[in-house]
């Protein structure tokens, strides 16, 4: 009944699912604004300066 999708040869296909996930994540980060702090975490008082 069709091919076994868990066969070892199925792992040799191109990782289109991973590429799509990375692209969608990047688009979401760009649309929402990337809020990645640079450097070590700082206390709230220091971050307000």
Foldseek 3Di string as FASTA:
>chain_A
DDDDCPDPVVVPDDPPVVVVVVVVVVVVCVVVPPDDDPDDDDDPVVVVD
